[in-house]
Amino acid sequence: MQCNVRYNFQALPGAGNRNRWLRHLSKPVGVVLVWQIAATAALAAGGAVLAGGDGALSAVAGGLISIIAGLAAALVASRSSAGSAGGLLLGALRAEAVKIGLAAILLWLVLANYPNAHAGMLVVTFAVTIVIFAMAFFVRDY
C-alpha cells in the first residue's frame, strides 16, 4: 500500500517574521505583557511555597487567562477602524467585551476541568494581572 500524502518542509508563509501577528500592537501592550508575565511568575512562586505544585499551577493558569484575554482585546482594538470618535469608542467597547467574555470562558474551563485548582491563587493572580493590563494606559508610546 502506497501513501500519496506529501509532506512539505518549507516554512509557512510569514514564518520568518516571528512577530507578524503582533505587528498592530503598540509598545504599551508589550510593556504590560512583560509586567503580567513577571507578576504571574512571582505569584506562581508564592503559590508553590504556600500550596505546592497545584497552587503554582493555579497561579500560572490565572495569569495566562488574563494574558490571553488581554492579547485578544488588544488585537480586536487594533483591527477596529478609528475614523471617528464613535468608531474609536465602538472599537474599545468591542475589545472590552471580547476580553471579559474570553476571560469568563477561560476561568470556567479551568475551574471545571482542573479539580485540584486552588481557587484563591487562581483568582488572585487573575485579578492582579487584569489590573496590570489596565496600566497600559499609563505607558508612553515613544
N, C-alpha and C. Protein backbone atom coordinates (compact mmCIF):
# COMPACT_ATOMS: atom_id res chain seq x y z
N MET A 1 0.85 -1.18 0.00
CA MET A 1 0.00 0.00 0.00
C MET A 1 0.90 1.24 0.00
N GLN A 2 0.62 2.14 -0.90
CA GLN A 2 1.44 3.34 -1.03
C GLN A 2 0.66 4.56 -0.57
N CYS A 3 1.33 5.40 0.18
CA CYS A 3 0.71 6.61 0.70
C CYS A 3 1.03 7.76 -0.24
N ASN A 4 0.02 8.48 -0.68
CA ASN A 4 0.20 9.59 -1.61
C ASN A 4 0.25 10.95 -0.92
N VAL A 5 0.45 10.95 0.38
CA VAL A 5 0.49 12.19 1.12
C VAL A 5 1.90 12.75 1.03
N ARG A 6 2.03 13.97 0.62
CA ARG A 6 3.33 14.63 0.53
C ARG A 6 3.47 15.61 1.69
N TYR A 7 4.62 15.55 2.30
CA TYR A 7 4.90 16.47 3.40
C TYR A 7 5.88 17.51 2.91
N ASN A 8 5.62 18.73 3.21
CA ASN A 8 6.44 19.83 2.74
C ASN A 8 7.18 20.43 3.93
N PHE A 9 8.49 20.48 3.86
CA PHE A 9 9.28 21.03 4.94
C PHE A 9 9.52 22.53 4.79
N GLN A 10 8.87 23.15 3.81
CA GLN A 10 9.01 24.57 3.59
C GLN A 10 8.40 25.34 4.76
N ALA A 11 8.99 26.47 5.05
CA ALA A 11 8.45 27.32 6.12
C ALA A 11 7.09 27.86 5.71
N LEU A 12 6.25 28.05 6.67
CA LEU A 12 4.94 28.64 6.40
C LEU A 12 5.10 30.08 5.94
N PRO A 13 4.19 30.59 5.10
CA PRO A 13 4.29 31.99 4.69
C PRO A 13 4.25 32.91 5.91
N GLY A 14 5.22 33.78 5.99
CA GLY A 14 5.28 34.70 7.11
C GLY A 14 5.99 34.14 8.33
N ALA A 15 6.49 32.91 8.23
CA ALA A 15 7.16 32.30 9.38
C ALA A 15 8.45 33.03 9.74
N GLY A 16 9.06 33.68 8.77
CA GLY A 16 10.29 34.41 9.04
C GLY A 16 10.06 35.61 9.95
N ASN A 17 8.87 36.17 9.90
CA ASN A 17 8.53 37.31 10.74
C ASN A 17 7.81 36.79 11.97
N ARG A 18 8.57 36.57 13.05
CA ARG A 18 8.01 35.92 14.24
C ARG A 18 6.93 36.75 14.91
N ASN A 19 6.99 38.05 14.80
CA ASN A 19 6.02 38.90 15.47
C ASN A 19 4.97 39.43 14.51
N ARG A 20 4.72 38.71 13.45
CA ARG A 20 3.78 39.19 12.43
C ARG A 20 2.38 39.45 13.00
N TRP A 21 1.92 38.55 13.84
CA TRP A 21 0.56 38.73 14.38
C TRP A 21 0.51 39.81 15.45
N LEU A 22 1.66 40.22 15.96
CA LEU A 22 1.69 41.28 16.97
C LEU A 22 2.02 42.64 16.38
N ARG A 23 2.12 42.74 15.06
CA ARG A 23 2.60 43.98 14.46
C ARG A 23 1.68 45.17 14.72
N HIS A 24 0.41 44.93 14.95
CA HIS A 24 -0.53 46.02 15.19
C HIS A 24 -0.53 46.49 16.64
N LEU A 25 0.12 45.74 17.50
CA LEU A 25 0.11 46.09 18.91
C LEU A 25 1.20 47.12 19.19
N SER A 26 0.91 48.02 20.06
CA SER A 26 1.83 49.11 20.34
C SER A 26 2.75 48.77 21.51
N LYS A 27 3.67 49.66 21.78
CA LYS A 27 4.64 49.49 22.87
C LYS A 27 3.97 49.30 24.23
N PRO A 28 2.92 50.05 24.57
CA PRO A 28 2.30 49.85 25.89
C PRO A 28 1.82 48.42 26.13
N VAL A 29 1.27 47.79 25.10
CA VAL A 29 0.80 46.42 25.29
C VAL A 29 1.97 45.49 25.52
N GLY A 30 3.07 45.69 24.82
CA GLY A 30 4.26 44.87 25.03
C GLY A 30 4.84 45.03 26.41
N VAL A 31 4.91 46.27 26.89
CA VAL A 31 5.45 46.54 28.23
C VAL A 31 4.55 45.89 29.29
N VAL A 32 3.26 46.05 29.14
CA VAL A 32 2.32 45.48 30.11
C VAL A 32 2.35 43.95 30.05
N LEU A 33 2.57 43.39 28.87
CA LEU A 33 2.68 41.94 28.75
C LEU A 33 3.87 41.42 29.56
N VAL A 34 4.99 42.12 29.51
CA VAL A 34 6.15 41.73 30.31
C VAL A 34 5.83 41.84 31.80
N TRP A 35 5.15 42.90 32.20
CA TRP A 35 4.75 43.05 33.60
C TRP A 35 3.85 41.91 34.04
N GLN A 36 2.90 41.54 33.18
CA GLN A 36 1.98 40.45 33.52
C GLN A 36 2.72 39.13 33.68
N ILE A 37 3.67 38.87 32.80
CA ILE A 37 4.43 37.63 32.89
C ILE A 37 5.26 37.62 34.18
N ALA A 38 5.87 38.76 34.51
CA ALA A 38 6.66 38.84 35.75
C ALA A 38 5.78 38.64 36.98
N ALA A 39 4.61 39.26 37.00
CA ALA A 39 3.70 39.10 38.14
C ALA A 39 3.21 37.67 38.24
N THR A 40 2.92 37.05 37.10
CA THR A 40 2.48 35.65 37.11
C THR A 40 3.57 34.75 37.66
N ALA A 41 4.81 34.98 37.25
CA ALA A 41 5.93 34.16 37.75
C ALA A 41 6.11 34.35 39.26
N ALA A 42 6.04 35.60 39.71
CA ALA A 42 6.20 35.86 41.14
C ALA A 42 5.08 35.22 41.96
N LEU A 43 3.85 35.35 41.49
CA LEU A 43 2.72 34.77 42.21
C LEU A 43 2.74 33.24 42.13
N ALA A 44 3.24 32.69 41.03
CA ALA A 44 3.37 31.23 40.93
C ALA A 44 4.41 30.73 41.92
N ALA A 45 5.50 31.47 42.09
CA ALA A 45 6.50 31.09 43.09
C ALA A 45 5.90 31.14 44.49
N GLY A 46 5.12 32.18 44.76
CA GLY A 46 4.43 32.27 46.05
C GLY A 46 3.42 31.15 46.23
N GLY A 47 2.72 30.82 45.16
CA GLY A 47 1.76 29.72 45.22
C GLY A 47 2.44 28.39 45.47
N ALA A 48 3.64 28.21 44.91
CA ALA A 48 4.38 26.97 45.14
C ALA A 48 4.79 26.84 46.60
N VAL A 49 5.17 27.96 47.20
CA VAL A 49 5.57 27.94 48.61
C VAL A 49 4.36 27.69 49.50
N LEU A 50 3.26 28.37 49.20
CA LEU A 50 2.07 28.27 50.06
C LEU A 50 1.26 27.00 49.85
N ALA A 51 1.10 26.57 48.59
CA ALA A 51 0.19 25.46 48.33
C ALA A 51 0.78 24.36 47.46
N GLY A 52 2.08 24.39 47.23
CA GLY A 52 2.71 23.32 46.46
C GLY A 52 2.51 23.49 44.95
N GLY A 53 2.67 22.41 44.26
CA GLY A 53 2.59 22.42 42.80
C GLY A 53 1.24 22.84 42.26
N ASP A 54 0.17 22.40 42.91
CA ASP A 54 -1.17 22.79 42.45
C ASP A 54 -1.42 24.29 42.63
N GLY A 55 -0.87 24.86 43.67
CA GLY A 55 -1.00 26.30 43.87
C GLY A 55 -0.26 27.08 42.81
N ALA A 56 0.96 26.60 42.48
CA ALA A 56 1.74 27.26 41.44
C ALA A 56 1.04 27.14 40.08
N LEU A 57 0.53 25.95 39.77
CA LEU A 57 -0.16 25.75 38.50
C LEU A 57 -1.44 26.58 38.42
N SER A 58 -2.12 26.72 39.54
CA SER A 58 -3.32 27.56 39.57
C SER A 58 -2.98 29.03 39.33
N ALA A 59 -1.87 29.49 39.90
CA ALA A 59 -1.44 30.87 39.69
C ALA A 59 -1.05 31.10 38.23
N VAL A 60 -0.35 30.14 37.65
CA VAL A 60 0.02 30.26 36.24
C VAL A 60 -1.23 30.29 35.36
N ALA A 61 -2.20 29.45 35.68
CA ALA A 61 -3.44 29.44 34.90
C ALA A 61 -4.16 30.78 35.02
N GLY A 62 -4.22 31.35 36.21
CA GLY A 62 -4.87 32.65 36.38
C GLY A 62 -4.17 33.73 35.59
N GLY A 63 -2.83 33.72 35.59
CA GLY A 63 -2.10 34.70 34.82
C GLY A 63 -2.28 34.52 33.32
N LEU A 64 -2.26 33.27 32.87
CA LEU A 64 -2.42 33.01 31.44
C LEU A 64 -3.81 33.40 30.95
N ILE A 65 -4.81 33.20 31.78
CA ILE A 65 -6.17 33.61 31.39
C ILE A 65 -6.19 35.11 31.12
N SER A 66 -5.62 35.87 32.01
CA SER A 66 -5.59 37.32 31.85
C SER A 66 -4.75 37.74 30.66
N ILE A 67 -3.61 37.09 30.46
CA ILE A 67 -2.73 37.44 29.34
C ILE A 67 -3.41 37.14 28.01
N ILE A 68 -4.02 35.98 27.90
CA ILE A 68 -4.70 35.60 26.65
C ILE A 68 -5.87 36.54 26.37
N ALA A 69 -6.67 36.83 27.39
CA ALA A 69 -7.81 37.72 27.20
C ALA A 69 -7.34 39.13 26.84
N GLY A 70 -6.27 39.59 27.46
CA GLY A 70 -5.74 40.91 27.15
C GLY A 70 -5.19 41.01 25.74
N LEU A 71 -4.47 39.97 25.30
CA LEU A 71 -3.95 39.98 23.93
C LEU A 71 -5.08 39.94 22.91
N ALA A 72 -6.12 39.16 23.20
CA ALA A 72 -7.27 39.13 22.30
C ALA A 72 -7.93 40.50 22.22
N ALA A 73 -8.07 41.16 23.35
CA ALA A 73 -8.66 42.50 23.35
C ALA A 73 -7.80 43.49 22.58
N ALA A 74 -6.49 43.39 22.75
CA ALA A 74 -5.59 44.29 22.03
C ALA A 74 -5.66 44.06 20.52
N LEU A 75 -5.77 42.80 20.12
CA LEU A 75 -5.90 42.51 18.69
C LEU A 75 -7.21 43.04 18.12
N VAL A 76 -8.30 42.88 18.86
CA VAL A 76 -9.59 43.39 18.40
C VAL A 76 -9.55 44.91 18.32
N ALA A 77 -8.95 45.55 19.31
CA ALA A 77 -8.87 47.01 19.31
C ALA A 77 -7.99 47.51 18.16
N SER A 78 -6.91 46.79 17.86
CA SER A 78 -6.01 47.25 16.80
C SER A 78 -6.62 47.07 15.42
N ARG A 79 -7.56 46.19 15.27
CA ARG A 79 -8.18 45.96 13.97
C ARG A 79 -9.43 46.81 13.74
N SER A 80 -9.87 47.54 14.75
CA SER A 80 -11.06 48.37 14.59
C SER A 80 -10.71 49.66 13.88
N SER A 81 -11.67 50.19 13.17
CA SER A 81 -11.44 51.45 12.45
C SER A 81 -11.76 52.61 13.39
N ALA A 82 -10.81 53.52 13.48
CA ALA A 82 -10.98 54.66 14.38
C ALA A 82 -11.10 55.93 13.55
N GLY A 83 -11.99 55.93 12.58
CA GLY A 83 -12.17 57.08 11.72
C GLY A 83 -12.86 58.24 12.41
N SER A 84 -13.55 57.94 13.48
CA SER A 84 -14.27 58.98 14.21
C SER A 84 -14.24 58.64 15.70
N ALA A 85 -14.73 59.55 16.50
CA ALA A 85 -14.79 59.30 17.94
C ALA A 85 -15.72 58.14 18.24
N GLY A 86 -16.81 58.06 17.51
CA GLY A 86 -17.75 56.95 17.70
C GLY A 86 -17.13 55.62 17.32
N GLY A 87 -16.36 55.60 16.22
CA GLY A 87 -15.69 54.38 15.81
C GLY A 87 -14.64 53.94 16.82
N LEU A 88 -13.95 54.90 17.39
CA LEU A 88 -12.95 54.59 18.41
C LEU A 88 -13.61 54.01 19.65
N LEU A 89 -14.71 54.62 20.07
CA LEU A 89 -15.43 54.14 21.24
C LEU A 89 -16.01 52.75 20.99
N LEU A 90 -16.56 52.53 19.82
CA LEU A 90 -17.11 51.22 19.49
C LEU A 90 -16.01 50.15 19.48
N GLY A 91 -14.84 50.49 18.94
CA GLY A 91 -13.73 49.54 18.94
C GLY A 91 -13.27 49.21 20.35
N ALA A 92 -13.21 50.22 21.22
CA ALA A 92 -12.79 49.99 22.61
C ALA A 92 -13.82 49.14 23.35
N LEU A 93 -15.09 49.40 23.13
CA LEU A 93 -16.14 48.60 23.78
C LEU A 93 -16.13 47.16 23.28
N ARG A 94 -15.91 46.99 21.99
CA ARG A 94 -15.84 45.64 21.41
C ARG A 94 -14.65 44.88 22.01
N ALA A 95 -13.52 45.56 22.15
CA ALA A 95 -12.33 44.91 22.72
C ALA A 95 -12.58 44.51 24.17
N GLU A 96 -13.21 45.37 24.94
CA GLU A 96 -13.51 45.03 26.34
C GLU A 96 -14.49 43.87 26.43
N ALA A 97 -15.47 43.83 25.54
CA ALA A 97 -16.42 42.73 25.54
C ALA A 97 -15.72 41.41 25.23
N VAL A 98 -14.79 41.43 24.28
CA VAL A 98 -14.02 40.24 23.96
C VAL A 98 -13.19 39.81 25.16
N LYS A 99 -12.54 40.77 25.82
CA LYS A 99 -11.70 40.45 26.97
C LYS A 99 -12.52 39.83 28.11
N ILE A 100 -13.65 40.44 28.43
CA ILE A 100 -14.48 39.93 29.52
C ILE A 100 -15.06 38.57 29.18
N GLY A 101 -15.57 38.42 27.97
CA GLY A 101 -16.16 37.15 27.55
C GLY A 101 -15.15 36.02 27.52
N LEU A 102 -13.99 36.29 26.93
CA LEU A 102 -12.96 35.25 26.85
C LEU A 102 -12.42 34.91 28.24
N ALA A 103 -12.24 35.90 29.09
CA ALA A 103 -11.77 35.63 30.45
C ALA A 103 -12.78 34.78 31.22
N ALA A 104 -14.06 35.07 31.08
CA ALA A 104 -15.08 34.28 31.77
C ALA A 104 -15.09 32.84 31.28
N ILE A 105 -14.98 32.66 29.97
CA ILE A 105 -14.97 31.30 29.42
C ILE A 105 -13.73 30.54 29.88
N LEU A 106 -12.58 31.19 29.84
CA LEU A 106 -11.35 30.51 30.26
C LEU A 106 -11.35 30.20 31.76
N LEU A 107 -11.86 31.12 32.58
CA LEU A 107 -11.98 30.83 34.01
C LEU A 107 -12.88 29.62 34.26
N TRP A 108 -14.00 29.59 33.57
CA TRP A 108 -14.92 28.46 33.71
C TRP A 108 -14.25 27.16 33.28
N LEU A 109 -13.52 27.19 32.14
CA LEU A 109 -12.86 25.98 31.66
C LEU A 109 -11.82 25.46 32.66
N VAL A 110 -11.05 26.37 33.22
CA VAL A 110 -10.03 25.94 34.18
C VAL A 110 -10.68 25.38 35.44
N LEU A 111 -11.64 26.09 35.99
CA LEU A 111 -12.27 25.63 37.23
C LEU A 111 -13.09 24.35 37.03
N ALA A 112 -13.66 24.17 35.85
CA ALA A 112 -14.46 22.97 35.60
C ALA A 112 -13.59 21.75 35.30
N ASN A 113 -12.41 21.96 34.72
CA ASN A 113 -11.60 20.83 34.27
C ASN A 113 -10.37 20.54 35.12
N TYR A 114 -10.06 21.37 36.07
CA TYR A 114 -8.89 21.15 36.93
C TYR A 114 -9.37 21.01 38.36
N PRO A 115 -9.62 19.77 38.79
CA PRO A 115 -10.22 19.56 40.11
C PRO A 115 -9.33 19.97 41.28
N ASN A 116 -8.00 20.00 41.09
CA ASN A 116 -7.10 20.37 42.18
C ASN A 116 -6.75 21.85 42.18
N ALA A 117 -7.48 22.63 41.42
CA ALA A 117 -7.17 24.06 41.33
C ALA A 117 -7.40 24.73 42.68
N HIS A 118 -6.47 25.60 43.05
CA HIS A 118 -6.62 26.41 44.25
C HIS A 118 -7.28 27.72 43.79
N ALA A 119 -8.56 27.83 44.05
CA ALA A 119 -9.33 28.96 43.54
C ALA A 119 -8.77 30.29 44.02
N GLY A 120 -8.27 30.35 45.23
CA GLY A 120 -7.71 31.58 45.75
C GLY A 120 -6.51 32.06 44.94
N MET A 121 -5.57 31.16 44.68
CA MET A 121 -4.39 31.53 43.88
C MET A 121 -4.79 31.89 42.46
N LEU A 122 -5.72 31.15 41.90
CA LEU A 122 -6.18 31.41 40.53
C LEU A 122 -6.79 32.80 40.42
N VAL A 123 -7.69 33.11 41.32
CA VAL A 123 -8.41 34.38 41.26
C VAL A 123 -7.50 35.56 41.61
N VAL A 124 -6.62 35.39 42.59
CA VAL A 124 -5.71 36.49 42.95
C VAL A 124 -4.78 36.81 41.79
N THR A 125 -4.19 35.79 41.19
CA THR A 125 -3.29 36.04 40.06
C THR A 125 -4.04 36.63 38.87
N PHE A 126 -5.23 36.13 38.62
CA PHE A 126 -6.06 36.67 37.54
C PHE A 126 -6.36 38.15 37.80
N ALA A 127 -6.77 38.48 39.01
CA ALA A 127 -7.13 39.86 39.33
C ALA A 127 -5.92 40.79 39.24
N VAL A 128 -4.77 40.35 39.74
CA VAL A 128 -3.57 41.18 39.69
C VAL A 128 -3.16 41.45 38.24
N THR A 129 -3.17 40.42 37.41
CA THR A 129 -2.74 40.60 36.03
C THR A 129 -3.76 41.38 35.20
N ILE A 130 -5.03 41.28 35.52
CA ILE A 130 -6.04 42.10 34.83
C ILE A 130 -5.83 43.57 35.17
N VAL A 131 -5.54 43.87 36.42
CA VAL A 131 -5.29 45.26 36.82
C VAL A 131 -4.02 45.77 36.14
N ILE A 132 -3.01 44.92 36.04
CA ILE A 132 -1.77 45.33 35.36
C ILE A 132 -2.06 45.66 33.90
N PHE A 133 -2.93 44.90 33.24
CA PHE A 133 -3.26 45.19 31.84
C PHE A 133 -3.88 46.58 31.70
N ALA A 134 -4.65 46.97 32.69
CA ALA A 134 -5.27 48.30 32.65
C ALA A 134 -4.23 49.41 32.73
N MET A 135 -3.03 49.09 33.23
CA MET A 135 -1.96 50.08 33.34
C MET A 135 -1.35 50.45 31.99
N ALA A 136 -1.71 49.76 30.93
CA ALA A 136 -1.19 50.09 29.59
C ALA A 136 -1.52 51.52 29.22
N PHE A 137 -2.57 52.05 29.78
CA PHE A 137 -2.97 53.43 29.51
C PHE A 137 -1.89 54.42 29.94
N PHE A 138 -1.13 54.06 30.98
CA PHE A 138 -0.14 54.97 31.54
C PHE A 138 1.26 54.81 30.94
N VAL A 139 1.44 53.85 30.05
CA VAL A 139 2.74 53.63 29.42
C VAL A 139 2.84 54.53 28.19
N ARG A 140 3.94 55.28 28.09
CA ARG A 140 4.12 56.18 26.96
C ARG A 140 4.47 55.38 25.72
N ASP A 141 4.02 55.86 24.57
CA ASP A 141 4.16 55.13 23.31
C ASP A 141 5.36 55.62 22.49
N TYR A 142 6.37 56.15 23.14
CA TYR A 142 7.57 56.58 22.39
C TYR A 142 8.82 56.11 23.06
